[in-house]
Protein backbone atom coordinates (compact mmCIF):
# COMPACT_ATOMS: atom_id res chain seq x y z
CA UNK A 1 29.69 8.77 10.02
CA UNK A 2 25.99 8.62 10.61
CA UNK A 3 23.39 10.29 8.40
CA UNK A 4 22.44 13.71 9.59
CA UNK A 5 19.21 13.60 8.26
CA UNK A 6 16.14 11.16 7.62
CA UNK A 7 14.04 11.46 4.72
CA UNK A 8 10.38 10.84 4.82
CA UNK A 9 7.73 11.07 1.56
CA UNK A 10 6.49 14.62 2.39
CA UNK A 11 9.70 16.12 4.87
CA UNK A 12 13.07 15.44 5.92
CA UNK A 13 14.30 15.67 9.43
CA UNK A 14 17.48 16.36 10.25
CA UNK A 15 18.83 15.06 14.08
CA UNK A 16 22.59 15.75 14.00
CA UNK A 17 22.07 18.50 16.77
CA UNK A 18 19.41 16.41 18.82
CA UNK A 19 20.29 14.25 21.57
CA UNK A 20 17.76 11.83 20.76
CA UNK A 21 17.46 10.64 17.09
CA UNK A 22 14.75 9.70 14.39
CA UNK A 23 13.85 6.27 15.67
CA UNK A 24 10.86 3.51 15.80
CA UNK A 25 9.35 5.03 18.73
CA UNK A 26 8.38 8.59 17.56
CA UNK A 27 7.25 6.91 13.92
CA UNK A 28 4.82 4.58 16.03
CA UNK A 29 3.53 7.29 17.87
CA UNK A 30 3.19 9.76 15.60
CA UNK A 31 1.28 7.42 12.70
CA UNK A 32 -1.00 5.91 15.40
CA UNK A 33 -1.91 8.97 17.26
CA UNK A 34 -5.64 9.54 16.50
CA UNK A 35 -6.27 13.51 15.39
CA UNK A 36 -9.70 13.30 13.70
CA UNK A 37 -11.70 16.15 15.39
CA UNK A 38 -8.89 17.87 17.35
CA UNK A 39 -8.84 21.59 16.71
CA UNK A 40 -5.51 22.00 18.85
CA UNK A 41 -2.51 19.74 19.29
CA UNK A 42 0.66 19.82 21.61
CA UNK A 43 3.62 17.50 20.96
CA UNK A 44 5.64 17.45 24.91
CA UNK A 45 9.08 16.86 24.37
CA UNK A 46 9.40 17.20 20.48
CA UNK A 47 13.06 16.75 19.86
CA UNK A 48 13.45 16.72 16.17
CA UNK A 49 10.10 18.02 15.58
CA UNK A 50 8.84 14.26 14.15
CA UNK A 51 6.11 13.61 15.57
CA UNK A 52 4.84 16.97 15.24
CA UNK A 53 5.47 16.80 11.48
CA UNK A 54 3.62 13.55 11.62
CA UNK A 55 0.68 14.83 13.37
CA UNK A 56 0.44 18.15 11.33
CA UNK A 57 0.62 15.82 7.74
CA UNK A 58 -2.24 13.96 8.49
CA UNK A 59 -4.17 16.90 10.03
CA UNK A 60 -5.48 20.83 9.20
CA UNK A 61 -4.98 21.89 12.67
CA UNK A 62 -2.56 24.20 14.74
CA UNK A 63 0.35 21.84 16.47
CA UNK A 64 2.52 23.19 19.00
CA UNK A 65 5.75 21.37 20.11
CA UNK A 66 8.05 22.22 23.06
CA UNK A 67 11.32 20.81 24.56
CA UNK A 68 13.39 22.58 27.14
CA UNK A 69 16.51 21.61 25.00
CA UNK A 70 17.66 24.67 23.28
CA UNK A 71 19.71 22.90 20.29
CA UNK A 72 16.98 20.57 19.56
CA UNK A 73 14.20 23.30 19.61
CA UNK A 74 16.73 24.77 16.88
CA UNK A 75 16.56 21.90 14.91
CA UNK A 76 13.26 21.29 15.15
CA UNK A 77 12.25 24.94 14.02
CA UNK A 78 14.16 24.36 10.79
CA UNK A 79 12.77 21.15 10.28
CA UNK A 80 9.22 22.92 10.29
CA UNK A 81 10.37 25.76 8.37
CA UNK A 82 11.67 23.33 5.38
CA UNK A 83 8.41 21.29 5.67
CA UNK A 84 4.83 21.99 3.71
CA UNK A 85 3.45 23.15 7.14
CA UNK A 86 5.46 25.67 8.25
CA UNK A 87 2.67 27.90 8.71
CA UNK A 88 0.58 25.51 11.13
CA UNK A 89 3.37 24.47 13.18
CA UNK A 90 5.04 26.34 16.20
CA UNK A 91 7.59 24.96 18.14
CA UNK A 92 9.00 26.81 21.02
CA UNK A 93 11.56 26.45 24.25
CA UNK A 94 9.56 25.70 27.43
CA UNK A 95 8.92 23.25 30.09
CA UNK A 96 5.42 21.51 30.30
CA UNK A 97 5.21 21.93 33.72
CA UNK A 98 5.42 25.89 33.08
CA UNK A 99 3.25 25.62 30.40
CA UNK A 100 0.14 24.37 32.19
CA UNK A 101 0.46 27.16 34.63
CA UNK A 102 0.10 29.08 31.44
CA UNK A 103 -2.93 27.58 29.43
CA UNK A 104 -5.83 25.16 30.62
CA UNK A 105 -7.67 22.43 28.46
CA UNK A 106 -6.46 24.16 25.22
CA UNK A 107 -5.56 20.95 23.60
CA UNK A 108 -7.50 18.45 21.91
CA UNK A 109 -4.91 16.08 21.44
CA UNK A 110 -1.99 15.51 23.23
CA UNK A 111 1.13 13.22 22.60
CA UNK A 112 4.61 12.50 23.86
CA UNK A 113 7.76 10.23 24.00
CA UNK A 114 8.82 11.09 26.72
CA UNK A 115 11.86 10.35 28.92
CA UNK A 116 11.88 6.81 29.92
CA UNK A 117 14.88 5.16 31.11
CA UNK A 118 15.20 4.86 34.79
CA UNK A 119 18.20 3.12 35.50
CA UNK A 120 20.43 4.48 37.95
CA UNK A 121 23.34 4.64 35.43
CA UNK A 122 22.97 7.54 33.37
CA UNK A 123 24.68 7.53 30.02
CA UNK A 124 27.46 10.42 30.15
CA UNK A 125 26.42 12.60 27.34
CA UNK A 126 24.76 15.27 29.32
CA UNK A 127 21.93 16.39 26.86
CA UNK A 128 21.36 12.82 25.73
CA UNK A 129 20.98 11.81 29.32
CA UNK A 130 17.98 14.74 29.80
CA UNK A 131 16.53 13.18 27.10
CA UNK A 132 16.45 9.74 27.86
CA UNK A 133 15.86 9.74 31.94
CA UNK A 134 12.94 10.62 34.02
CA UNK A 135 15.20 12.15 36.48
CA UNK A 136 14.14 15.51 35.07
CA UNK A 137 10.56 14.98 34.32
CA UNK A 138 8.85 12.10 36.24
CA UNK A 139 6.02 10.49 34.58
CA UNK A 140 3.68 11.70 37.28
CA UNK A 141 4.97 15.20 36.11
CA UNK A 142 4.08 14.71 32.97
CA UNK A 143 0.61 13.19 33.31
CA UNK A 144 -0.29 16.16 36.08
CA UNK A 145 0.70 18.79 33.60
CA UNK A 146 -1.30 17.22 30.64
CA UNK A 147 -4.45 16.54 32.99
CA UNK A 148 -4.47 20.65 33.06
CA UNK A 149 -3.69 21.24 29.09
CA UNK A 150 -5.70 18.74 27.61
CA UNK A 151 -9.48 19.43 26.75
CA UNK A 152 -12.53 17.79 28.53
CA UNK A 153 -13.01 15.35 25.37
CA UNK A 154 -9.29 15.19 24.57
CA UNK A 155 -7.10 12.05 24.55
CA UNK A 156 -3.46 12.16 25.77
CA UNK A 157 -1.29 9.76 23.96
CA UNK A 158 2.42 8.19 24.52
CA UNK A 159 4.80 5.42 23.66
CA UNK A 160 6.67 3.92 26.81
CA UNK A 161 8.46 0.71 28.09
CA UNK A 162 6.10 -2.11 27.86
CA UNK A 163 7.17 -2.87 31.54
CA UNK A 164 6.34 0.42 32.90
CA UNK A 165 2.28 0.38 31.59
CA UNK A 166 1.01 -0.56 34.55
CA UNK A 167 2.68 2.02 36.96
CA UNK A 168 1.56 4.62 34.23
CA UNK A 169 -1.93 3.72 34.31
CA UNK A 170 -2.22 4.11 37.84
CA UNK A 171 -0.50 7.30 38.04
CA UNK A 172 -2.83 8.58 34.95
CA UNK A 173 -5.65 7.33 37.30
CA UNK A 174 -4.41 9.44 40.07
CA UNK A 175 -4.98 12.54 38.10
CA UNK A 176 -8.28 11.11 36.25
CA UNK A 177 -6.90 9.71 32.91
CA UNK A 178 -7.87 6.30 32.06
CA UNK A 179 -7.02 3.83 29.05
CA UNK A 180 -8.92 4.11 25.94
CA UNK A 181 -6.77 2.65 23.42
CA UNK A 182 -3.89 0.08 24.11
CA UNK A 183 -1.27 -1.02 21.29
CA UNK A 184 1.69 -3.60 22.54
CA UNK A 185 4.66 -3.43 19.97
CA UNK A 186 6.71 -6.60 19.21
CA UNK A 187 9.65 -6.38 17.62
CA UNK A 188 9.46 -9.90 16.12
CA UNK A 189 6.59 -12.46 16.00
CA UNK A 190 7.99 -14.27 18.91
CA UNK A 191 9.43 -11.42 21.10
CA UNK A 192 8.33 -10.11 24.14
CA UNK A 193 6.66 -6.40 23.88
CA UNK A 194 9.17 -3.85 24.68
CA UNK A 195 6.99 -0.74 23.88
CA UNK A 196 3.49 0.21 24.56
CA UNK A 197 1.20 2.79 22.50
CA UNK A 198 -1.23 3.99 24.94
CA UNK A 199 -4.24 6.75 24.73
CA UNK A 200 -5.60 8.11 27.80
CA UNK A 201 -8.84 10.26 28.11
CA UNK A 202 -10.93 11.63 30.96
CA UNK A 203 -13.79 8.67 31.01
CA UNK A 204 -13.71 5.19 32.18
CA UNK A 205 -14.21 2.81 29.22
CA UNK A 206 -13.34 -0.73 28.02
CA UNK A 207 -9.78 -0.69 26.93
CA UNK A 208 -8.84 -3.83 24.60
CA UNK A 209 -5.59 -4.61 24.36
CA UNK A 210 -4.41 -4.92 20.28
CA UNK A 211 -0.88 -6.18 19.24
CA UNK A 212 1.55 -4.64 16.49
CA UNK A 213 4.35 -6.52 15.04
CA UNK A 214 7.24 -4.60 13.23
CA UNK A 215 9.30 -7.23 11.40
CA UNK A 216 8.27 -10.70 10.59
CA UNK A 217 12.05 -11.21 10.19
CA UNK A 218 14.83 -8.84 9.80
CA UNK A 219 13.94 -5.99 7.21
CA UNK A 220 11.19 -7.62 6.62
CA UNK A 221 8.31 -5.53 7.78
CA UNK A 222 4.71 -6.70 8.82
CA UNK A 223 1.82 -5.62 6.80
CA UNK A 224 0.09 -3.95 9.84
CA UNK A 225 3.23 -1.79 10.16
CA UNK A 226 3.02 -0.98 6.65
CA UNK A 227 0.02 0.10 6.83
CA UNK A 228 0.66 2.03 9.70
CA UNK A 229 3.84 4.05 8.20
CA UNK A 230 2.74 3.69 4.30
CA UNK A 231 2.50 7.45 4.10
CA UNK A 232 5.82 8.19 5.98
CA UNK A 233 8.40 6.18 5.16
CA UNK A 234 9.76 6.47 1.60
CA UNK A 235 9.94 2.46 0.69
CA UNK A 236 7.04 1.33 2.11
């Protein structure tokens, strides 16, 4: 039977009631996102609360996590309550499209590990399907909401499939958000990148592409990945 929780150095994430479990994508985004200077941070589609917890560990400011899944919100709230940052993290059940109608330009950092599997054949579990696919919340919907919620100097950080990066960047430009950081994720040194970490801001700037290798070989993590995640993983 799968372990119902994942233990990090400073907190534990239970994920047995969540459609999407703790995974590398969330850890990468939580560790990679720049939070220096932020006064308020939003995690869209918080799920287990993993990224909100990682961001709270790396900052001293309020963090809000939102999700539409009732069970995920309940479990994320429990994970937060058991953490050292329970006073700074607020988890609530809310659609980002609803939230952007209630609060404009209030977040300096927004993060999201959004649904991204756009195949026509969806997985049979309805909750897992909603967590994995873009049918309910499209990239365009997400970006339009983020544009409303992001402060003037704010940055939106996201992890998406590498082959969706060009389309995502074009959609972002439609709402005047532009790449400021980009890191391609390789599972192995010779592997084609499957994911990309993107940070978007309101100003057009030169954005160089970096590369990050996760494993040199099976269960042998690269020095760069260890450096990025060492404050979180128990055995790093």
